[in-house]
């Protein structure tokens, strides 16, 4: 699980998100309102939803983000996390604490590798 998650306001512009992705060397940013994740935007979303559609540069990225966020509790089993990914057709899930706050991201490759090694908790 990645604990250093790039996050931004859902009001951020596409340019702000792209710069954050470059600075953090990531292709995914979780959009957070208060402490709760409200959307996920990827570099692919920016390319296909913003650039290809010539969306206004000052428009919020939330319109191009995946929402609601597919998430699991921090104590979820790897199999449960992978099942949720498959059901929702995503490769990553947000990991939330008991209060619904973002604590990390779990990607399918990491979960599958950990599962093959015999690990069971998602984080």
PDB file of N, CA and C in Angstrom:
ATOM      1  N   UNK A   1       0.842  -1.174   0.000  1.00  0.00           N
ATOM      2  CA  UNK A   1       0.000   0.000   0.000  1.00  0.00           C
ATOM      3  C   UNK A   1       0.884   1.233   0.000  1.00  0.00           C
ATOM      4  N   UNK A   2       0.476   2.205  -0.767  1.00  0.00           N
ATOM      5  CA  UNK A   2       1.159   3.495  -0.800  1.00  0.00           C
ATOM      6  C   UNK A   2       0.527   4.398   0.244  1.00  0.00           C
ATOM      7  N   UNK A   3       1.328   4.859   1.184  1.00  0.00           N
ATOM      8  CA  UNK A   3       0.800   5.749   2.223  1.00  0.00           C
ATOM      9  C   UNK A   3       0.980   7.219   1.854  1.00  0.00           C
ATOM     10  N   UNK A   4       1.943   7.517   0.997  1.00  0.00           N
ATOM     11  CA  UNK A   4       2.190   8.891   0.549  1.00  0.00           C
ATOM     12  C   UNK A   4       1.338   9.159  -0.680  1.00  0.00           C
ATOM     13  N   UNK A   5       0.084   9.488  -0.459  1.00  0.00           N
ATOM     14  CA  UNK A   5      -0.881   9.663  -1.541  1.00  0.00           C
ATOM     15  C   UNK A   5      -0.946  11.130  -1.945  1.00  0.00           C
ATOM     16  N   UNK A   6      -0.839  11.392  -3.230  1.00  0.00           N
ATOM     17  CA  UNK A   6      -1.012  12.760  -3.729  1.00  0.00           C
ATOM     18  C   UNK A   6      -2.495  13.088  -3.666  1.00  0.00           C
ATOM     19  N   UNK A   7      -2.814  14.198  -3.027  1.00  0.00           N
ATOM     20  CA  UNK A   7      -4.214  14.599  -2.920  1.00  0.00           C
ATOM     21  C   UNK A   7      -4.341  16.088  -3.197  1.00  0.00           C
ATOM     22  N   UNK A   8      -5.547  16.483  -3.581  1.00  0.00           N
ATOM     23  CA  UNK A   8      -5.813  17.879  -3.923  1.00  0.00           C
ATOM     24  C   UNK A   8      -7.287  18.167  -3.698  1.00  0.00           C
ATOM     25  N   UNK A   9      -7.624  19.438  -3.732  1.00  0.00           N
ATOM     26  CA  UNK A   9      -9.006  19.879  -3.621  1.00  0.00           C
ATOM     27  C   UNK A   9      -9.767  19.502  -4.891  1.00  0.00           C
ATOM     28  N   UNK A  10     -11.041  19.172  -4.773  1.00  0.00           N
ATOM     29  CA  UNK A  10     -11.829  18.898  -5.977  1.00  0.00           C
ATOM     30  C   UNK A  10     -12.008  20.133  -6.858  1.00  0.00           C
ATOM     31  N   UNK A  11     -11.685  21.305  -6.333  1.00  0.00           N
ATOM     32  CA  UNK A  11     -11.768  22.543  -7.113  1.00  0.00           C
ATOM     33  C   UNK A  11     -10.498  22.840  -7.899  1.00  0.00           C
ATOM     34  N   UNK A  12      -9.483  21.990  -7.763  1.00  0.00           N
ATOM     35  CA  UNK A  12      -8.211  22.215  -8.456  1.00  0.00           C
ATOM     36  C   UNK A  12      -8.414  22.218  -9.964  1.00  0.00           C
ATOM     37  N   UNK A  13      -7.572  22.972 -10.644  1.00  0.00           N
ATOM     38  CA  UNK A  13      -7.627  23.022 -12.106  1.00  0.00           C
ATOM     39  C   UNK A  13      -6.838  21.860 -12.697  1.00  0.00           C
ATOM     40  N   UNK A  14      -7.070  21.533 -13.949  1.00  0.00           N
ATOM     41  CA  UNK A  14      -6.287  20.480 -14.593  1.00  0.00           C
ATOM     42  C   UNK A  14      -4.779  20.757 -14.532  1.00  0.00           C
ATOM     43  N   UNK A  15      -4.390  22.017 -14.724  1.00  0.00           N
ATOM     44  CA  UNK A  15      -2.971  22.354 -14.669  1.00  0.00           C
ATOM     45  C   UNK A  15      -2.370  22.099 -13.293  1.00  0.00           C
ATOM     46  N   UNK A  16      -3.120  22.429 -12.242  1.00  0.00           N
ATOM     47  CA  UNK A  16      -2.640  22.182 -10.885  1.00  0.00           C
ATOM     48  C   UNK A  16      -2.462  20.686 -10.638  1.00  0.00           C
ATOM     49  N   UNK A  17      -3.397  19.900 -11.116  1.00  0.00           N
ATOM     50  CA  UNK A  17      -3.304  18.447 -10.938  1.00  0.00           C
ATOM     51  C   UNK A  17      -2.121  17.892 -11.725  1.00  0.00           C
ATOM     52  N   UNK A  18      -1.939  18.341 -12.959  1.00  0.00           N
ATOM     53  CA  UNK A  18      -0.818  17.873 -13.780  1.00  0.00           C
ATOM     54  C   UNK A  18       0.515  18.219 -13.131  1.00  0.00           C
ATOM     55  N   UNK A  19       0.630  19.431 -12.584  1.00  0.00           N
ATOM     56  CA  UNK A  19       1.872  19.818 -11.910  1.00  0.00           C
ATOM     57  C   UNK A  19       2.114  18.963 -10.664  1.00  0.00           C
ATOM     58  N   UNK A  20       1.063  18.684  -9.918  1.00  0.00           N
ATOM     59  CA  UNK A  20       1.194  17.834  -8.734  1.00  0.00           C
ATOM     60  C   UNK A  20       1.648  16.432  -9.136  1.00  0.00           C
ATOM     61  N   UNK A  21       1.084  15.904 -10.215  1.00  0.00           N
ATOM     62  CA  UNK A  21       1.488  14.583 -10.699  1.00  0.00           C
ATOM     63  C   UNK A  21       2.970  14.580 -11.074  1.00  0.00           C
ATOM     64  N   UNK A  22       3.411  15.637 -11.740  1.00  0.00           N
ATOM     65  CA  UNK A  22       4.819  15.727 -12.132  1.00  0.00           C
ATOM     66  C   UNK A  22       5.719  15.820 -10.903  1.00  0.00           C
ATOM     67  N   UNK A  23       5.352  16.679  -9.954  1.00  0.00           N
ATOM     68  CA  UNK A  23       6.163  16.860  -8.746  1.00  0.00           C
ATOM     69  C   UNK A  23       6.243  15.592  -7.914  1.00  0.00           C
ATOM     70  N   UNK A  24       5.153  14.854  -7.827  1.00  0.00           N
ATOM     71  CA  UNK A  24       5.105  13.660  -6.984  1.00  0.00           C
ATOM     72  C   UNK A  24       5.423  12.378  -7.751  1.00  0.00           C
ATOM     73  N   UNK A  25       5.679  12.517  -9.077  1.00  0.00           N
ATOM     74  CA  UNK A  25       5.979  11.373  -9.932  1.00  0.00           C
ATOM     75  C   UNK A  25       4.905  10.282  -9.797  1.00  0.00           C
ATOM     76  N   UNK A  26       3.672  10.709 -10.012  1.00  0.00           N
ATOM     77  CA  UNK A  26       2.546   9.785  -9.902  1.00  0.00           C
ATOM     78  C   UNK A  26       1.567  10.030 -11.031  1.00  0.00           C
ATOM     79  N   UNK A  27       0.750   9.054 -11.307  1.00  0.00           N
ATOM     80  CA  UNK A  27      -0.268   9.195 -12.335  1.00  0.00           C
ATOM     81  C   UNK A  27      -1.673   9.247 -11.766  1.00  0.00           C
ATOM     82  N   UNK A  28      -1.777   9.419 -10.431  1.00  0.00           N
ATOM     83  CA  UNK A  28      -3.086   9.427  -9.790  1.00  0.00           C
ATOM     84  C   UNK A  28      -3.104  10.419  -8.636  1.00  0.00           C
ATOM     85  N   UNK A  29      -4.197  11.153  -8.532  1.00  0.00           N
ATOM     86  CA  UNK A  29      -4.398  12.103  -7.438  1.00  0.00           C
ATOM     87  C   UNK A  29      -5.793  11.857  -6.870  1.00  0.00           C
ATOM     88  N   UNK A  30      -5.869  11.767  -5.550  1.00  0.00           N
ATOM     89  CA  UNK A  30      -7.160  11.623  -4.881  1.00  0.00           C
ATOM     90  C   UNK A  30      -7.668  13.022  -4.550  1.00  0.00           C
ATOM     91  N   UNK A  31      -8.902  13.304  -4.942  1.00  0.00           N
ATOM     92  CA  UNK A  31      -9.518  14.591  -4.644  1.00  0.00           C
ATOM     93  C   UNK A  31     -10.219  14.473  -3.294  1.00  0.00           C
ATOM     94  N   UNK A  32      -9.859  15.374  -2.376  1.00  0.00           N
ATOM     95  CA  UNK A  32     -10.318  15.268  -0.996  1.00  0.00           C
ATOM     96  C   UNK A  32     -11.036  16.543  -0.589  1.00  0.00           C
ATOM     97  N   UNK A  33     -12.205  16.366   0.021  1.00  0.00           N
ATOM     98  CA  UNK A  33     -12.958  17.474   0.588  1.00  0.00           C
ATOM     99  C   UNK A  33     -12.984  17.257   2.096  1.00  0.00           C
ATOM    100  N   UNK A  34     -12.370  18.186   2.840  1.00  0.00           N
ATOM    101  CA  UNK A  34     -12.189  17.947   4.269  1.00  0.00           C
ATOM    102  C   UNK A  34     -11.214  16.801   4.421  1.00  0.00           C
ATOM    103  N   UNK A  35     -11.631  15.746   5.091  1.00  0.00           N
ATOM    104  CA  UNK A  35     -10.796  14.555   5.230  1.00  0.00           C
ATOM    105  C   UNK A  35     -11.265  13.397   4.361  1.00  0.00           C
ATOM    106  N   UNK A  36     -12.331  13.616   3.590  1.00  0.00           N
ATOM    107  CA  UNK A  36     -12.949  12.517   2.852  1.00  0.00           C
ATOM    108  C   UNK A  36     -12.636  12.565   1.361  1.00  0.00           C
ATOM    109  N   UNK A  37     -12.244  11.419   0.792  1.00  0.00           N
ATOM    110  CA  UNK A  37     -12.015  11.368  -0.657  1.00  0.00           C
ATOM    111  C   UNK A  37     -13.343  11.454  -1.408  1.00  0.00           C
ATOM    112  N   UNK A  38     -13.379  12.332  -2.422  1.00  0.00           N
ATOM    113  CA  UNK A  38     -14.599  12.519  -3.207  1.00  0.00           C
ATOM    114  C   UNK A  38     -14.413  12.169  -4.682  1.00  0.00           C
ATOM    115  N   UNK A  39     -13.185  11.919  -5.088  1.00  0.00           N
ATOM    116  CA  UNK A  39     -12.919  11.575  -6.476  1.00  0.00           C
ATOM    117  C   UNK A  39     -11.475  11.156  -6.650  1.00  0.00           C
ATOM    118  N   UNK A  40     -11.222  10.509  -7.767  1.00  0.00           N
ATOM    119  CA  UNK A  40      -9.875  10.090  -8.139  1.00  0.00           C
ATOM    120  C   UNK A  40      -9.664  10.500  -9.581  1.00  0.00           C
ATOM    121  N   UNK A  41      -8.546  11.157  -9.859  1.00  0.00           N
ATOM    122  CA  UNK A  41      -8.244  11.540 -11.241  1.00  0.00           C
ATOM    123  C   UNK A  41      -6.874  10.999 -11.616  1.00  0.00           C
ATOM    124  N   UNK A  42      -6.784  10.458 -12.813  1.00  0.00           N
ATOM    125  CA  UNK A  42      -5.539   9.878 -13.300  1.00  0.00           C
ATOM    126  C   UNK A  42      -4.987  10.692 -14.462  1.00  0.00           C
ATOM    127  N   UNK A  43      -3.745  10.399 -14.812  1.00  0.00           N
ATOM    128  CA  UNK A  43      -3.159  11.066 -15.969  1.00  0.00           C
ATOM    129  C   UNK A  43      -3.951  10.735 -17.234  1.00  0.00           C
ATOM    130  N   UNK A  44      -4.507   9.553 -17.292  1.00  0.00           N
ATOM    131  CA  UNK A  44      -5.343   9.164 -18.437  1.00  0.00           C
ATOM    132  C   UNK A  44      -6.613  10.011 -18.481  1.00  0.00           C
ATOM    133  N   UNK A  45      -7.224  10.250 -17.307  1.00  0.00           N
ATOM    134  CA  UNK A  45      -8.407  11.117 -17.249  1.00  0.00           C
ATOM    135  C   UNK A  45      -8.079  12.504 -17.783  1.00  0.00           C
ATOM    136  N   UNK A  46      -6.917  13.024 -17.410  1.00  0.00           N
ATOM    137  CA  UNK A  46      -6.514  14.353 -17.897  1.00  0.00           C
ATOM    138  C   UNK A  46      -6.345  14.350 -19.411  1.00  0.00           C
ATOM    139  N   UNK A  47      -5.682  13.303 -19.917  1.00  0.00           N
ATOM    140  CA  UNK A  47      -5.423  13.239 -21.358  1.00  0.00           C
ATOM    141  C   UNK A  47      -6.713  13.089 -22.164  1.00  0.00           C
ATOM    142  N   UNK A  48      -7.583  12.183 -21.743  1.00  0.00           N
ATOM    143  CA  UNK A  48      -8.785  11.898 -22.526  1.00  0.00           C
ATOM    144  C   UNK A  48      -9.955  12.824 -22.213  1.00  0.00           C
ATOM    145  N   UNK A  49     -10.055  13.266 -20.967  1.00  0.00           N
ATOM    146  CA  UNK A  49     -11.196  14.066 -20.579  1.00  0.00           C
ATOM    147  C   UNK A  49     -10.970  15.558 -20.654  1.00  0.00           C
ATOM    148  N   UNK A  50      -9.731  15.991 -20.487  1.00  0.00           N
ATOM    149  CA  UNK A  50      -9.448  17.426 -20.474  1.00  0.00           C
ATOM    150  C   UNK A  50      -8.799  17.846 -21.781  1.00  0.00           C
ATOM    151  N   UNK A  51      -7.672  17.234 -22.121  1.00  0.00           N
ATOM    152  CA  UNK A  51      -6.930  17.632 -23.311  1.00  0.00           C
ATOM    153  C   UNK A  51      -7.699  17.286 -24.586  1.00  0.00           C
ATOM    154  N   UNK A  52      -8.140  16.037 -24.706  1.00  0.00           N
ATOM    155  CA  UNK A  52      -8.821  15.607 -25.926  1.00  0.00           C
ATOM    156  C   UNK A  52     -10.137  16.349 -26.149  1.00  0.00           C
ATOM    157  N   UNK A  53     -10.797  16.751 -25.063  1.00  0.00           N
ATOM    158  CA  UNK A  53     -12.061  17.485 -25.190  1.00  0.00           C
ATOM    159  C   UNK A  53     -11.858  18.995 -25.216  1.00  0.00           C
ATOM    160  N   UNK A  54     -10.608  19.429 -25.097  1.00  0.00           N
ATOM    161  CA  UNK A  54     -10.283  20.859 -25.045  1.00  0.00           C
ATOM    162  C   UNK A  54     -11.116  21.576 -23.978  1.00  0.00           C
ATOM    163  N   UNK A  55     -11.173  20.943 -22.791  1.00  0.00           N
ATOM    164  CA  UNK A  55     -11.934  21.526 -21.676  1.00  0.00           C
ATOM    165  C   UNK A  55     -11.252  22.803 -21.205  1.00  0.00           C
ATOM    166  N   UNK A  56     -12.028  23.760 -20.709  1.00  0.00           N
ATOM    167  CA  UNK A  56     -11.436  25.008 -20.212  1.00  0.00           C
ATOM    168  C   UNK A  56     -10.404  24.751 -19.119  1.00  0.00           C
ATOM    169  N   UNK A  57      -9.300  25.468 -19.164  1.00  0.00           N
ATOM    170  CA  UNK A  57      -8.194  25.261 -18.228  1.00  0.00           C
ATOM    171  C   UNK A  57      -8.565  25.576 -16.787  1.00  0.00           C
ATOM    172  N   UNK A  58      -9.582  26.409 -16.595  1.00  0.00           N
ATOM    173  CA  UNK A  58      -9.947  26.784 -15.233  1.00  0.00           C
ATOM    174  C   UNK A  58     -11.096  25.938 -14.669  1.00  0.00           C
ATOM    175  N   UNK A  59     -11.549  24.971 -15.425  1.00  0.00           N
ATOM    176  CA  UNK A  59     -12.640  24.096 -14.985  1.00  0.00           C
ATOM    177  C   UNK A  59     -12.142  23.122 -13.927  1.00  0.00           C
ATOM    178  N   UNK A  60     -12.941  22.844 -12.928  1.00  0.00           N
ATOM    179  CA  UNK A  60     -12.592  21.888 -11.877  1.00  0.00           C
ATOM    180  C   UNK A  60     -12.361  20.499 -12.480  1.00  0.00           C
ATOM    181  N   UNK A  61     -11.388  19.792 -11.949  1.00  0.00           N
ATOM    182  CA  UNK A  61     -11.109  18.446 -12.440  1.00  0.00           C
ATOM    183  C   UNK A  61     -12.135  17.429 -11.951  1.00  0.00           C
ATOM    184  N   UNK A  62     -12.927  17.802 -10.967  1.00  0.00           N
ATOM    185  CA  UNK A  62     -13.915  16.859 -10.437  1.00  0.00           C
ATOM    186  C   UNK A  62     -14.846  16.343 -11.531  1.00  0.00           C
ATOM    187  N   UNK A  63     -15.122  17.162 -12.529  1.00  0.00           N
ATOM    188  CA  UNK A  63     -15.989  16.750 -13.634  1.00  0.00           C
ATOM    189  C   UNK A  63     -15.378  15.606 -14.445  1.00  0.00           C
ATOM    190  N   UNK A  64     -14.057  15.418 -14.354  1.00  0.00           N
ATOM    191  CA  UNK A  64     -13.365  14.378 -15.124  1.00  0.00           C
ATOM    192  C   UNK A  64     -12.888  13.232 -14.244  1.00  0.00           C
ATOM    193  N   UNK A  65     -13.154  13.324 -12.947  1.00  0.00           N
ATOM    194  CA  UNK A  65     -12.669  12.325 -11.991  1.00  0.00           C
ATOM    195  C   UNK A  65     -13.649  11.168 -11.860  1.00  0.00           C
ATOM    196  N   UNK A  66     -13.140  10.054 -11.388  1.00  0.00           N
ATOM    197  CA  UNK A  66     -13.993   8.920 -11.040  1.00  0.00           C
ATOM    198  C   UNK A  66     -14.565   9.185  -9.659  1.00  0.00           C
ATOM    199  N   UNK A  67     -15.876   9.090  -9.564  1.00  0.00           N
ATOM    200  CA  UNK A  67     -16.534   9.344  -8.292  1.00  0.00           C
ATOM    201  C   UNK A  67     -17.834   8.545  -8.293  1.00  0.00           C
ATOM    202  N   UNK A  68     -18.212   7.938  -7.194  1.00  0.00           N
ATOM    203  CA  UNK A  68     -17.565   7.960  -5.891  1.00  0.00           C
ATOM    204  C   UNK A  68     -16.281   7.130  -5.897  1.00  0.00           C
ATOM    205  N   UNK A  69     -15.457   7.364  -4.888  1.00  0.00           N
ATOM    206  CA  UNK A  69     -14.183   6.673  -4.756  1.00  0.00           C
ATOM    207  C   UNK A  69     -14.433   5.232  -4.305  1.00  0.00           C
ATOM    208  N   UNK A  70     -13.806   4.290  -4.988  1.00  0.00           N
ATOM    209  CA  UNK A  70     -13.868   2.891  -4.571  1.00  0.00           C
ATOM    210  C   UNK A  70     -12.852   2.732  -3.448  1.00  0.00           C
ATOM    211  N   UNK A  71     -13.318   2.261  -2.291  1.00  0.00           N
ATOM    212  CA  UNK A  71     -12.458   2.236  -1.112  1.00  0.00           C
ATOM    213  C   UNK A  71     -12.667   0.962  -0.302  1.00  0.00           C
ATOM    214  N   UNK A  72     -11.683   0.689   0.545  1.00  0.00           N
ATOM    215  CA  UNK A  72     -11.764  -0.400   1.520  1.00  0.00           C
ATOM    216  C   UNK A  72     -11.316   0.137   2.870  1.00  0.00           C
ATOM    217  N   UNK A  73     -11.756  -0.531   3.923  1.00  0.00           N
ATOM    218  CA  UNK A  73     -11.288  -0.210   5.263  1.00  0.00           C
ATOM    219  C   UNK A  73      -9.845  -0.666   5.409  1.00  0.00           C
ATOM    220  N   UNK A  74      -9.111  -0.015   6.281  1.00  0.00           N
ATOM    221  CA  UNK A  74      -7.710  -0.346   6.497  1.00  0.00           C
ATOM    222  C   UNK A  74      -7.467  -1.762   6.963  1.00  0.00           C
ATOM    223  N   UNK A  75      -8.468  -2.399   7.567  1.00  0.00           N
ATOM    224  CA  UNK A  75      -8.296  -3.767   8.057  1.00  0.00           C
ATOM    225  C   UNK A  75      -8.872  -4.814   7.102  1.00  0.00           C
ATOM    226  N   UNK A  76      -9.178  -4.397   5.884  1.00  0.00           N
ATOM    227  CA  UNK A  76      -9.746  -5.325   4.892  1.00  0.00           C
ATOM    228  C   UNK A  76      -8.731  -6.386   4.495  1.00  0.00           C
ATOM    229  N   UNK A  77      -9.209  -7.547   4.168  1.00  0.00           N
ATOM    230  CA  UNK A  77      -8.364  -8.626   3.663  1.00  0.00           C
ATOM    231  C   UNK A  77      -8.010  -8.327   2.202  1.00  0.00           C
ATOM    232  N   UNK A  78      -6.862  -8.810   1.770  1.00  0.00           N
ATOM    233  CA  UNK A  78      -6.429  -8.585   0.389  1.00  0.00           C
ATOM    234  C   UNK A  78      -7.444  -9.125  -0.613  1.00  0.00           C
ATOM    235  N   UNK A  79      -7.986 -10.286  -0.334  1.00  0.00           N
ATOM    236  CA  UNK A  79      -8.979 -10.867  -1.245  1.00  0.00           C
ATOM    237  C   UNK A  79     -10.197  -9.979  -1.393  1.00  0.00           C
ATOM    238  N   UNK A  80     -10.620  -9.370  -0.292  1.00  0.00           N
ATOM    239  CA  UNK A  80     -11.763  -8.454  -0.344  1.00  0.00           C
ATOM    240  C   UNK A  80     -11.422  -7.215  -1.180  1.00  0.00           C
ATOM    241  N   UNK A  81     -10.221  -6.691  -0.989  1.00  0.00           N
ATOM    242  CA  UNK A  81      -9.797  -5.512  -1.749  1.00  0.00           C
ATOM    243  C   UNK A  81      -9.722  -5.840  -3.239  1.00  0.00           C
ATOM    244  N   UNK A  82      -9.137  -6.983  -3.584  1.00  0.00           N
ATOM    245  CA  UNK A  82      -9.051  -7.380  -4.992  1.00  0.00           C
ATOM    246  C   UNK A  82     -10.434  -7.611  -5.587  1.00  0.00           C
ATOM    247  N   UNK A  83     -11.323  -8.221  -4.818  1.00  0.00           N
ATOM    248  CA  UNK A  83     -12.692  -8.436  -5.292  1.00  0.00           C
ATOM    249  C   UNK A  83     -13.397  -7.124  -5.572  1.00  0.00           C
ATOM    250  N   UNK A  84     -13.203  -6.158  -4.714  1.00  0.00           N
ATOM    251  CA  UNK A  84     -13.824  -4.844  -4.916  1.00  0.00           C
ATOM    252  C   UNK A  84     -13.272  -4.194  -6.187  1.00  0.00           C
ATOM    253  N   UNK A  85     -11.944  -4.317  -6.398  1.00  0.00           N
ATOM    254  CA  UNK A  85     -11.339  -3.761  -7.613  1.00  0.00           C
ATOM    255  C   UNK A  85     -11.971  -4.391  -8.849  1.00  0.00           C
ATOM    256  N   UNK A  86     -12.090  -5.710  -8.828  1.00  0.00           N
ATOM    257  CA  UNK A  86     -12.656  -6.407  -9.991  1.00  0.00           C
ATOM    258  C   UNK A  86     -14.105  -5.998 -10.230  1.00  0.00           C
ATOM    259  N   UNK A  87     -14.906  -5.955  -9.174  1.00  0.00           N
ATOM    260  CA  UNK A  87     -16.327  -5.599  -9.314  1.00  0.00           C
ATOM    261  C   UNK A  87     -16.522  -4.201  -9.887  1.00  0.00           C
ATOM    262  N   UNK A  88     -15.628  -3.293  -9.527  1.00  0.00           N
ATOM    263  CA  UNK A  88     -15.769  -1.910  -9.976  1.00  0.00           C
ATOM    264  C   UNK A  88     -14.908  -1.580 -11.193  1.00  0.00           C
ATOM    265  N   UNK A  89     -14.130  -2.558 -11.668  1.00  0.00           N
ATOM    266  CA  UNK A  89     -13.309  -2.348 -12.860  1.00  0.00           C
ATOM    267  C   UNK A  89     -12.208  -1.318 -12.663  1.00  0.00           C
ATOM    268  N   UNK A  90     -11.605  -1.308 -11.472  1.00  0.00           N
ATOM    269  CA  UNK A  90     -10.517  -0.372 -11.173  1.00  0.00           C
ATOM    270  C   UNK A  90      -9.265  -1.145 -10.783  1.00  0.00           C
ATOM    271  N   UNK A  91      -8.121  -0.479 -10.880  1.00  0.00           N
ATOM    272  CA  UNK A  91      -6.849  -1.107 -10.515  1.00  0.00           C
ATOM    273  C   UNK A  91      -6.328  -0.624  -9.169  1.00  0.00           C
ATOM    274  N   UNK A  92      -7.014   0.359  -8.570  1.00  0.00           N
ATOM    275  CA  UNK A  92      -6.587   0.888  -7.277  1.00  0.00           C
ATOM    276  C   UNK A  92      -7.811   1.167  -6.423  1.00  0.00           C
ATOM    277  N   UNK A  93      -7.644   0.986  -5.110  1.00  0.00           N
ATOM    278  CA  UNK A  93      -8.688   1.377  -4.167  1.00  0.00           C
ATOM    279  C   UNK A  93      -8.072   2.273  -3.113  1.00  0.00           C
ATOM    280  N   UNK A  94      -8.860   3.215  -2.648  1.00  0.00           N
ATOM    281  CA  UNK A  94      -8.436   4.048  -1.525  1.00  0.00           C
ATOM    282  C   UNK A  94      -8.573   3.217  -0.259  1.00  0.00           C
ATOM    283  N   UNK A  95      -7.639   3.411   0.659  1.00  0.00           N
ATOM    284  CA  UNK A  95      -7.701   2.744   1.955  1.00  0.00           C
ATOM    285  C   UNK A  95      -8.072   3.819   2.977  1.00  0.00           C
ATOM    286  N   UNK A  96      -9.138   3.540   3.731  1.00  0.00           N
ATOM    287  CA  UNK A  96      -9.673   4.513   4.671  1.00  0.00           C
ATOM    288  C   UNK A  96      -9.557   4.011   6.103  1.00  0.00           C
ATOM    289  N   UNK A  97      -9.394   4.954   7.028  1.00  0.00           N
ATOM    290  CA  UNK A  97      -9.405   4.580   8.440  1.00  0.00           C
ATOM    291  C   UNK A  97     -10.856   4.472   8.917  1.00  0.00           C
ATOM    292  N   UNK A  98     -11.043   4.189  10.187  1.00  0.00           N
ATOM    293  CA  UNK A  98     -12.382   4.005  10.734  1.00  0.00           C
ATOM    294  C   UNK A  98     -13.268   5.222  10.640  1.00  0.00           C
ATOM    295  N   UNK A  99     -12.673   6.417  10.464  1.00  0.00           N
ATOM    296  CA  UNK A  99     -13.442   7.654  10.340  1.00  0.00           C
ATOM    297  C   UNK A  99     -13.645   8.082   8.894  1.00  0.00           C
ATOM    298  N   UNK A 100     -13.267   7.216   7.948  1.00  0.00           N
ATOM    299  CA  UNK A 100     -13.444   7.534   6.535  1.00  0.00           C
ATOM    300  C   UNK A 100     -12.373   8.439   5.956  1.00  0.00           C
ATOM    301  N   UNK A 101     -11.259   8.612   6.679  1.00  0.00           N
ATOM    302  CA  UNK A 101     -10.166   9.450   6.184  1.00  0.00           C
ATOM    303  C   UNK A 101      -9.200   8.599   5.353  1.00  0.00           C
ATOM    304  N   UNK A 102      -8.679   9.214   4.318  1.00  0.00           N
ATOM    305  CA  UNK A 102      -7.736   8.555   3.419  1.00  0.00           C
ATOM    306  C   UNK A 102      -6.425   8.261   4.143  1.00  0.00           C
ATOM    307  N   UNK A 103      -6.004   6.998   4.106  1.00  0.00           N
ATOM    308  CA  UNK A 103      -4.717   6.629   4.710  1.00  0.00           C
ATOM    309  C   UNK A 103      -3.750   6.043   3.694  1.00  0.00           C
ATOM    310  N   UNK A 104      -4.247   5.714   2.494  1.00  0.00           N
ATOM    311  CA  UNK A 104      -3.356   5.165   1.487  1.00  0.00           C
ATOM    312  C   UNK A 104      -4.105   4.726   0.243  1.00  0.00           C
ATOM    313  N   UNK A 105      -3.335   4.205  -0.698  1.00  0.00           N
ATOM    314  CA  UNK A 105      -3.879   3.622  -1.930  1.00  0.00           C
ATOM    315  C   UNK A 105      -3.301   2.224  -2.071  1.00  0.00           C
ATOM    316  N   UNK A 106      -4.128   1.291  -2.479  1.00  0.00           N
ATOM    317  CA  UNK A 106      -3.682  -0.070  -2.728  1.00  0.00           C
ATOM    318  C   UNK A 106      -3.923  -0.370  -4.192  1.00  0.00           C
ATOM    319  N   UNK A 107      -2.872  -0.816  -4.883  1.00  0.00           N
ATOM    320  CA  UNK A 107      -3.040  -1.160  -6.296  1.00  0.00           C
ATOM    321  C   UNK A 107      -3.087  -2.673  -6.456  1.00  0.00           C
ATOM    322  N   UNK A 108      -3.700  -3.110  -7.537  1.00  0.00           N
ATOM    323  CA  UNK A 108      -3.921  -4.537  -7.771  1.00  0.00           C
ATOM    324  C   UNK A 108      -2.615  -5.320  -7.811  1.00  0.00           C
ATOM    325  N   UNK A 109      -1.597  -4.783  -8.450  1.00  0.00           N
ATOM    326  CA  UNK A 109      -0.335  -5.505  -8.561  1.00  0.00           C
ATOM    327  C   UNK A 109       0.270  -5.767  -7.175  1.00  0.00           C
ATOM    328  N   UNK A 110       0.278  -4.754  -6.327  1.00  0.00           N
ATOM    329  CA  UNK A 110       0.817  -4.915  -4.973  1.00  0.00           C
ATOM    330  C   UNK A 110      -0.013  -5.917  -4.190  1.00  0.00           C
ATOM    331  N   UNK A 111      -1.334  -5.823  -4.301  1.00  0.00           N
ATOM    332  CA  UNK A 111      -2.211  -6.738  -3.572  1.00  0.00           C
ATOM    333  C   UNK A 111      -2.017  -8.177  -4.036  1.00  0.00           C
ATOM    334  N   UNK A 112      -1.902  -8.374  -5.340  1.00  0.00           N
ATOM    335  CA  UNK A 112      -1.710  -9.730  -5.864  1.00  0.00           C
ATOM    336  C   UNK A 112      -0.368 -10.297  -5.447  1.00  0.00           C
ATOM    337  N   UNK A 113       0.672  -9.479  -5.483  1.00  0.00           N
ATOM    338  CA  UNK A 113       2.013  -9.918  -5.067  1.00  0.00           C
ATOM    339  C   UNK A 113       2.011 -10.272  -3.586  1.00  0.00           C
ATOM    340  N   UNK A 114       1.420  -9.418  -2.759  1.00  0.00           N
ATOM    341  CA  UNK A 114       1.360  -9.685  -1.316  1.00  0.00           C
ATOM    342  C   UNK A 114       0.529 -10.923  -1.037  1.00  0.00           C
ATOM    343  N   UNK A 115      -0.561 -11.089  -1.770  1.00  0.00           N
ATOM    344  CA  UNK A 115      -1.402 -12.270  -1.586  1.00  0.00           C
ATOM    345  C   UNK A 115      -0.668 -13.550  -1.941  1.00  0.00           C
ATOM    346  N   UNK A 116       0.126 -13.519  -2.997  1.00  0.00           N
ATOM    347  CA  UNK A 116       0.902 -14.686  -3.409  1.00  0.00           C
ATOM    348  C   UNK A 116       1.992 -15.007  -2.376  1.00  0.00           C
ATOM    349  N   UNK A 117       2.458 -13.967  -1.656  1.00  0.00           N
ATOM    350  CA  UNK A 117       3.481 -14.168  -0.638  1.00  0.00           C
ATOM    351  C   UNK A 117       2.879 -14.602   0.696  1.00  0.00           C
ATOM    352  N   UNK A 118       1.539 -14.653   0.781  1.00  0.00           N
ATOM    353  CA  UNK A 118       0.893 -15.121   1.982  1.00  0.00           C
ATOM    354  C   UNK A 118       0.415 -14.050   2.923  1.00  0.00           C
ATOM    355  N   UNK A 119       0.526 -12.793   2.545  1.00  0.00           N
ATOM    356  CA  UNK A 119       0.044 -11.678   3.364  1.00  0.00           C
ATOM    357  C   UNK A 119      -1.461 -11.604   3.246  1.00  0.00           C
ATOM    358  N   UNK A 120      -2.159 -11.263   4.326  1.00  0.00           N
ATOM    359  CA  UNK A 120      -3.602 -11.137   4.194  1.00  0.00           C
ATOM    360  C   UNK A 120      -4.138  -9.741   4.419  1.00  0.00           C
ATOM    361  N   UNK A 121      -3.647  -8.936   5.380  1.00  0.00           N
ATOM    362  CA  UNK A 121      -4.250  -7.620   5.533  1.00  0.00           C
ATOM    363  C   UNK A 121      -3.909  -6.711   4.357  1.00  0.00           C
ATOM    364  N   UNK A 122      -4.865  -5.872   3.943  1.00  0.00           N
ATOM    365  CA  UNK A 122      -4.651  -4.982   2.808  1.00  0.00           C
ATOM    366  C   UNK A 122      -3.520  -3.997   3.042  1.00  0.00           C
ATOM    367  N   UNK A 123      -3.464  -3.255   4.145  1.00  0.00           N
ATOM    368  CA  UNK A 123      -2.377  -2.297   4.329  1.00  0.00           C
ATOM    369  C   UNK A 123      -1.140  -3.028   4.647  1.00  0.00           C
TER     370      UNK A 123
END
